[in-house]
C-alpha atoms as a PDB file:
ATOM      1  CA  MET A   1     154.555  45.061 114.514  1.00  0.00           C
ATOM      2  CA  ASP A   2     155.224  41.804 116.357  1.00  0.00           C
ATOM      3  CA  SER A   3     152.924  40.004 118.792  1.00  0.00           C
ATOM      4  CA  THR A   4     154.299  41.896 121.798  1.00  0.00           C
ATOM      5  CA  GLY A   5     153.450  45.216 120.191  1.00  0.00           C
ATOM      6  CA  TRP A   6     149.905  44.075 119.440  1.00  0.00           C
ATOM      7  CA  MET A   7     149.527  42.876 123.021  1.00  0.00           C
ATOM      8  CA  HIS A   8     150.651  46.263 124.377  1.00  0.00           C
ATOM      9  CA  LEU A   9     148.265  48.039 122.034  1.00  0.00           C
ATOM     10  CA  GLY A  10     145.419  45.797 123.163  1.00  0.00           C
ATOM     11  CA  VAL A  11     146.156  46.483 126.829  1.00  0.00           C
ATOM     12  CA  LEU A  12     146.258  50.231 126.192  1.00  0.00           C
ATOM     13  CA  LEU A  13     142.944  50.068 124.357  1.00  0.00           C
ATOM     14  CA  LEU A  14     141.378  48.097 127.221  1.00  0.00           C
ATOM     15  CA  VAL A  15     142.595  50.647 129.773  1.00  0.00           C
ATOM     16  CA  PHE A  16     141.302  53.515 127.642  1.00  0.00           C
ATOM     17  CA  ALA A  17     137.924  51.803 127.214  1.00  0.00           C
ATOM     18  CA  GLY A  18     137.734  51.216 130.971  1.00  0.00           C
ATOM     19  CA  ILE A  19     138.417  54.879 131.735  1.00  0.00           C
ATOM     20  CA  VAL A  20     135.821  56.020 129.200  1.00  0.00           C
ATOM     21  CA  ALA A  21     133.248  53.571 130.587  1.00  0.00           C
ATOM     22  CA  PHE A  22     133.924  54.761 134.153  1.00  0.00           C
ATOM     23  CA  VAL A  23     133.510  58.429 133.200  1.00  0.00           C
ATOM     24  CA  LEU A  24     130.290  57.731 131.294  1.00  0.00           C
ATOM     25  CA  TRP A  25     128.977  55.640 134.202  1.00  0.00           C
ATOM     26  CA  LYS A  26     129.600  58.484 136.645  1.00  0.00           C
ATOM     27  CA  MET A  27     127.949  61.016 134.332  1.00  0.00           C
ATOM     28  CA  VAL A  28     124.883  58.915 133.510  1.00  0.00           C
ATOM     29  CA  LEU A  29     124.044  57.445 136.919  1.00  0.00           C
ATOM     30  CA  PRO A  30     122.561  59.919 139.397  1.00  0.00           C
ATOM     31  CA  ALA A  31     124.232  60.503 142.738  1.00  0.00           C
ATOM     32  CA  PRO A  32     122.727  58.468 145.554  1.00  0.00           C
ATOM     33  CA  LYS A  33     120.154  60.398 147.521  1.00  0.00           C
ATOM     34  CA  ALA A  34     120.015  60.574 151.292  1.00  0.00           C
ATOM     35  CA  PRO A  35     117.225  58.422 152.668  1.00  0.00           C
ATOM     36  CA  PRO A  36     114.136  60.450 153.544  1.00  0.00           C
ATOM     37  CA  ARG A  37     113.562  61.035 157.236  1.00  0.00           C
ATOM     38  CA  GLY A  38     110.476  59.634 158.864  1.00  0.00           C
ATOM     39  CA  GLU A  39     110.166  56.573 156.680  1.00  0.00           C
ATOM     40  CA  THR A  40     110.890  53.179 158.136  1.00  0.00           C
ATOM     41  CA  VAL A  41     113.015  50.569 156.486  1.00  0.00           C
ATOM     42  CA  ALA A  42     111.204  47.363 155.593  1.00  0.00           C
ATOM     43  CA  GLY A  43     111.178  45.111 158.634  1.00  0.00           C
ATOM     44  CA  ALA A  44     112.187  47.864 161.080  1.00  0.00           C
ATOM     45  CA  ARG A  45     108.714  48.689 162.359  1.00  0.00           C
ATOM     46  CA  GLY A  46     108.768  49.710 166.001  1.00  0.00           C
ATOM     47  CA  TYR A  47     112.514  50.279 166.182  1.00  0.00           C
ATOM     48  CA  ILE A  48     113.298  53.653 167.726  1.00  0.00           C
ATOM     49  CA  GLY A  49     117.084  53.552 167.548  1.00  0.00           C
ATOM     50  CA  LEU A  50     119.888  55.143 169.527  1.00  0.00           C
ATOM     51  CA  TRP A  51     119.244  58.676 168.314  1.00  0.00           C
ATOM     52  CA  PHE A  52     115.697  58.874 169.641  1.00  0.00           C
ATOM     53  CA  GLY A  53     116.060  57.465 173.144  1.00  0.00           C
ATOM     54  CA  GLY A  54     116.215  53.830 172.174  1.00  0.00           C
ATOM     55  CA  GLY A  55     119.092  53.075 174.507  1.00  0.00           C
ATOM     56  CA  GLY A  56     122.838  53.381 174.539  1.00  0.00           C
ATOM     57  CA  ARG A  57     123.517  55.365 177.734  1.00  0.00           C
END
C-alpha cells in the first residue's frame, strides 16, 4: 500500500473513532434537565420577569 492508501485508511479510522466517541458521549452523559421552578438564578434576586406581570404590555 502506498502513502495515499495509508492516508485514506487513517482518515477512515479517525472518522470511525469520532462516530464511536460521539455515540459513547451521548450514552454516558445524562440529558439536560429542565431548571426547577421557583428557584432564582444567581444574581436575579427580585426580578419578576415578563411571565409574572413584570412588564411587556
